[in-house]
Amino acid sequence: MTDSTQQQDEKADSNTYMRKIRSFVLREGRLTKGQQHALDTYWADYGLAYQPQALALDDVFGRSSEKVLEIGFGMGKSLVQMAKAAPEKDFIGIEVHRPGVGACLSEAVNEQVKNLKVFEHDAVEVLANTIADNSLDTVQLFFPDPWHKKRHHKRRIVQSEFVQLLRKKLKPNGVFHMATDWQNYAEHMLEVMRTAEGFSNLSNDNTYVARPEHRPLTKFEQRGQRLGHGVWDLMFKKES
């Protein structure tokens, strides 16, 4: 088998997993005028189009720097905050919901953030095809849909196949950082990651970590804390 044939087979395997189960439901809310304006006006500066070939991220940003990718950034406020707080790094966001993409672009312009690019596309497809192997320093997954009903647990994005896809995209010693406010999902994440080949837990007790300062505390999270709800952060390093 040639190298090119093997790469095609590996990509086909990833795409098979990708088509098998979706981890999201596309609920299209109505765009506000501001969100539509941001998409029309700023997409050329911030938007990245999905493509079946890997992008050279250093060329995209015009420099060599740490690359942080966030899956499912919602309305984008915390992603923009992180990019603004770390101008020495470059940030890539992926979101399927168009209103959230528009809101993120608007926020990025308001905050004069330049080190950010976004995809409006399925994250698994982007990771499988558009992100090069060994190109990311950090992958962030904050408050994904927990699919709390047991019959829907198979839709949770953190599964062994997905984790191994991330492993390919992370650089050696790169970090996969997850956060959830559903204890059952936190336990599921921990179970998947503990058995994932090629990862080690950054927690001192092999469970969860305290929220790092670089992850902003959202209004939703603050409200949950006032009501006594928990939030669990997990950080796992790709072994070199």
Protein backbone atom coordinates (compact mmCIF):
# COMPACT_ATOMS: atom_id res chain seq x y z
CA MET A 1 0.00 0.00 0.00
CA THR A 2 1.37 3.42 -0.95
CA ASP A 3 1.46 6.35 1.50
CA SER A 4 -1.15 8.21 -0.54
CA THR A 5 -3.49 5.21 -0.55
CA GLN A 6 -3.09 4.81 3.20
CA GLN A 7 -3.86 8.51 3.75
CA GLN A 8 -6.97 8.20 1.60
CA ASP A 9 -8.09 5.16 3.60
CA GLU A 10 -7.53 7.01 6.89
CA LYS A 11 -9.52 9.98 5.64
CA ALA A 12 -12.31 7.65 4.51
CA ASP A 13 -12.37 6.09 7.99
CA SER A 14 -12.69 9.55 9.55
CA ASN A 15 -15.47 10.48 7.15
CA THR A 16 -17.32 7.24 7.91
CA TYR A 17 -17.31 8.15 11.60
CA MET A 18 -18.28 11.70 10.73
CA ARG A 19 -21.35 10.62 8.73
CA LYS A 20 -22.39 7.94 11.19
CA ILE A 21 -23.64 10.12 14.05
CA ARG A 22 -24.03 13.88 14.28
CA SER A 23 -23.26 15.48 17.64
CA PHE A 24 -25.42 18.52 16.94
CA VAL A 25 -28.84 19.50 15.63
CA LEU A 26 -28.82 22.52 13.34
CA ARG A 27 -31.37 24.88 14.87
CA GLU A 28 -31.22 28.01 12.76
CA GLY A 29 -32.33 31.05 14.71
CA ARG A 30 -33.19 34.24 12.92
CA LEU A 31 -30.25 36.50 12.21
CA THR A 32 -30.38 39.96 13.71
CA LYS A 33 -29.56 42.90 11.48
CA GLY A 34 -26.27 43.29 13.31
CA GLN A 35 -25.32 39.66 12.82
CA GLN A 36 -26.19 39.77 9.13
CA HIS A 37 -24.22 42.99 8.73
CA ALA A 38 -21.19 41.39 10.39
CA LEU A 39 -21.38 38.35 8.10
CA ASP A 40 -21.75 40.52 5.01
CA THR A 41 -19.03 42.97 6.01
CA TYR A 42 -16.40 41.07 7.98
CA TRP A 43 -16.47 37.49 6.71
CA ALA A 44 -13.72 38.28 4.21
CA ASP A 45 -11.43 39.28 7.10
CA TYR A 46 -12.32 36.57 9.61
CA GLY A 47 -13.97 33.72 7.73
CA LEU A 48 -12.39 30.47 6.59
CA ALA A 49 -14.08 28.27 4.02
CA TYR A 50 -14.19 24.54 4.55
CA GLN A 51 -12.07 22.67 2.03
CA PRO A 52 -11.13 19.00 1.62
CA GLN A 53 -7.40 19.82 1.71
CA ALA A 54 -5.37 20.84 4.76
CA LEU A 55 -4.73 24.54 5.26
CA ALA A 56 -1.29 25.92 6.10
CA LEU A 57 -2.29 27.77 9.26
CA ASP A 58 0.91 29.80 9.44
CA ASP A 59 0.09 31.16 5.99
CA VAL A 60 -3.50 31.88 7.03
CA PHE A 61 -2.34 34.05 9.93
CA GLY A 62 0.85 35.29 8.32
CA ARG A 63 3.10 34.13 11.14
CA SER A 64 4.33 31.14 13.11
CA SER A 65 2.65 31.03 16.53
CA GLU A 66 0.72 28.82 18.92
CA LYS A 67 -2.58 27.74 17.42
CA VAL A 68 -5.71 27.31 19.56
CA LEU A 69 -8.85 25.79 18.07
CA GLU A 70 -12.25 25.96 19.75
CA ILE A 71 -15.09 23.64 18.76
CA GLY A 72 -18.59 25.11 19.09
CA PHE A 73 -17.94 28.66 20.28
CA GLY A 74 -21.63 29.58 20.61
CA MET A 75 -22.01 33.35 20.33
CA GLY A 76 -18.23 33.77 20.45
CA LYS A 77 -17.87 36.21 23.32
CA SER A 78 -15.49 34.10 25.41
CA LEU A 79 -13.48 33.08 22.33
CA VAL A 80 -12.96 36.73 21.43
CA GLN A 81 -11.98 37.48 25.04
CA MET A 82 -9.34 34.75 24.95
CA ALA A 83 -7.96 35.93 21.62
CA LYS A 84 -7.76 39.51 22.87
CA ALA A 85 -6.02 38.42 26.08
CA ALA A 86 -3.38 36.39 24.18
CA PRO A 87 -2.36 38.37 21.08
CA GLU A 88 0.78 36.22 20.76
CA LYS A 89 -1.41 33.21 19.89
CA ASP A 90 -3.73 32.58 16.94
CA PHE A 91 -7.27 31.32 17.49
CA ILE A 92 -9.57 29.32 15.23
CA GLY A 93 -13.25 28.90 16.02
CA ILE A 94 -15.71 26.42 14.54
CA GLU A 95 -19.47 26.87 14.84
CA VAL A 96 -22.39 25.54 12.79
CA HIS A 97 -24.98 28.07 13.93
CA ARG A 98 -24.97 31.12 11.69
CA PRO A 99 -26.29 33.65 14.25
CA GLY A 100 -23.43 32.71 16.57
CA VAL A 101 -20.90 33.19 13.78
CA GLY A 102 -22.33 36.62 13.03
CA ALA A 103 -22.26 37.58 16.70
CA CYS A 104 -18.65 36.42 17.00
CA LEU A 105 -17.54 38.49 14.01
CA SER A 106 -19.27 41.55 15.41
CA GLU A 107 -17.63 41.06 18.81
CA ALA A 108 -14.20 40.54 17.22
CA VAL A 109 -14.51 43.80 15.30
CA ASN A 110 -15.74 45.69 18.37
CA GLU A 111 -12.78 44.39 20.39
CA GLN A 112 -10.33 45.00 17.51
CA VAL A 113 -9.17 41.39 17.61
CA LYS A 114 -7.00 40.39 14.66
CA ASN A 115 -5.69 36.95 15.71
CA LEU A 116 -8.93 35.05 15.07
CA LYS A 117 -10.43 33.11 12.17
CA VAL A 118 -13.70 31.18 12.12
CA PHE A 119 -15.34 28.33 10.23
CA GLU A 120 -19.08 28.01 9.76
CA HIS A 121 -19.10 24.26 9.27
CA ASP A 122 -19.25 20.86 10.97
CA ALA A 123 -16.26 20.58 13.30
CA VAL A 124 -15.61 16.91 12.58
CA GLU A 125 -15.36 17.56 8.84
CA VAL A 126 -13.08 20.54 9.38
CA LEU A 127 -10.80 18.56 11.68
CA ALA A 128 -10.75 15.49 9.46
CA ASN A 129 -9.92 17.33 6.24
CA THR A 130 -9.02 21.02 6.60
CA ILE A 131 -6.78 21.00 9.70
CA ALA A 132 -3.34 19.53 9.11
CA ASP A 133 -1.94 16.82 11.37
CA ASN A 134 0.34 18.02 14.20
CA SER A 135 -0.71 21.65 13.69
CA LEU A 136 -2.59 22.60 16.88
CA ASP A 137 -1.26 23.47 20.31
CA THR A 138 -4.66 23.42 22.03
CA VAL A 139 -8.14 22.17 21.23
CA GLN A 140 -10.97 23.59 23.36
CA LEU A 141 -14.43 22.11 23.80
CA PHE A 142 -16.46 24.16 26.26
CA PHE A 143 -20.02 23.24 27.27
CA PRO A 144 -20.93 21.01 24.32
CA ASP A 145 -24.46 19.64 24.03
CA PRO A 146 -24.60 17.01 26.81
CA TRP A 147 -27.32 14.92 25.16
CA HIS A 148 -28.48 14.14 28.68
CA LYS A 149 -31.00 11.41 27.80
CA LYS A 150 -29.29 8.03 27.97
CA ARG A 151 -30.52 6.96 24.53
CA HIS A 152 -28.81 10.03 23.08
CA HIS A 153 -25.40 9.50 24.74
CA LYS A 154 -24.07 8.11 21.46
CA ARG A 155 -24.42 11.63 20.03
CA ARG A 156 -21.97 13.13 22.51
CA ILE A 157 -19.00 14.44 20.57
CA VAL A 158 -16.42 13.12 23.05
CA GLN A 159 -16.07 9.52 21.89
CA SER A 160 -12.97 7.42 21.37
CA GLU A 161 -12.95 7.85 17.57
CA PHE A 162 -13.23 11.63 17.86
CA VAL A 163 -10.50 11.80 20.49
CA GLN A 164 -8.10 9.91 18.23
CA LEU A 165 -8.92 12.32 15.40
CA LEU A 166 -7.95 15.18 17.73
CA ARG A 167 -4.78 13.38 18.71
CA LYS A 168 -3.64 13.42 15.08
CA LYS A 169 -4.24 17.17 14.82
CA LEU A 170 -2.50 18.14 18.07
CA LYS A 171 1.22 18.74 18.21
CA PRO A 172 3.24 16.60 20.64
CA ASN A 173 2.42 17.88 24.14
CA GLY A 174 -0.64 19.65 22.74
CA VAL A 175 -3.63 19.90 25.09
CA PHE A 176 -7.28 18.93 24.75
CA HIS A 177 -9.26 21.11 27.19
CA MET A 178 -12.91 20.27 27.93
CA ALA A 179 -15.47 21.87 30.21
CA THR A 180 -19.06 20.91 31.03
CA ASP A 181 -21.73 21.76 33.59
CA TRP A 182 -23.29 18.27 33.40
CA GLN A 183 -21.70 15.91 35.92
CA ASN A 184 -22.72 12.81 33.97
CA TYR A 185 -21.06 14.17 30.84
CA ALA A 186 -17.95 15.08 32.85
CA GLU A 187 -17.78 11.49 34.06
CA HIS A 188 -18.26 10.27 30.49
CA MET A 189 -15.46 12.54 29.23
CA LEU A 190 -13.14 11.35 31.98
CA GLU A 191 -13.86 7.71 31.22
CA VAL A 192 -13.21 8.19 27.49
CA MET A 193 -10.01 10.15 28.05
CA ARG A 194 -8.58 7.81 30.69
CA THR A 195 -8.68 4.97 28.18
CA ALA A 196 -7.64 7.07 25.16
CA GLU A 197 -4.35 6.01 23.64
CA GLY A 198 -1.65 8.67 23.59
CA PHE A 199 -3.04 11.07 26.22
CA SER A 200 -2.11 11.82 29.82
CA ASN A 201 -4.23 13.65 32.38
CA LEU A 202 -2.92 17.02 33.59
CA SER A 203 -4.90 16.64 36.82
CA ASN A 204 -2.80 15.85 39.88
CA ASP A 205 -5.35 13.26 41.05
CA ASN A 206 -6.18 11.92 37.57
CA THR A 207 -9.66 13.48 37.61
CA TYR A 208 -10.54 17.14 36.96
CA VAL A 209 -8.58 20.40 37.02
CA ALA A 210 -9.48 23.80 38.39
CA ARG A 211 -10.71 26.29 35.79
CA PRO A 212 -7.56 27.86 34.32
CA GLU A 213 -7.45 31.64 34.25
CA HIS A 214 -7.39 31.74 30.46
CA ARG A 215 -10.90 30.25 30.24
CA PRO A 216 -13.31 33.14 30.82
CA LEU A 217 -16.10 32.72 33.34
CA THR A 218 -19.30 33.11 31.33
CA LYS A 219 -22.51 34.77 32.60
CA PHE A 220 -24.20 31.38 32.28
CA GLU A 221 -21.50 29.80 34.42
CA GLN A 222 -21.69 32.58 37.02
CA ARG A 223 -25.44 32.09 37.27
CA GLY A 224 -24.95 28.36 37.68
CA GLN A 225 -22.45 28.89 40.47
CA ARG A 226 -24.92 31.10 42.33
CA LEU A 227 -27.47 28.30 42.06
CA GLY A 228 -24.95 25.75 43.29
CA HIS A 229 -24.35 24.06 39.95
CA GLY A 230 -20.97 22.51 39.29
CA VAL A 231 -18.61 22.94 36.35
CA TRP A 232 -15.93 20.39 35.51
CA ASP A 233 -12.75 21.13 33.52
CA LEU A 234 -10.61 18.36 32.04
CA MET A 235 -7.21 18.85 30.42
CA PHE A 236 -5.34 16.04 28.71
CA LYS A 237 -1.92 16.29 27.04
CA LYS A 238 -0.93 14.46 23.88
CA GLU A 239 2.07 12.35 24.70
CA SER A 240 5.10 13.06 22.53
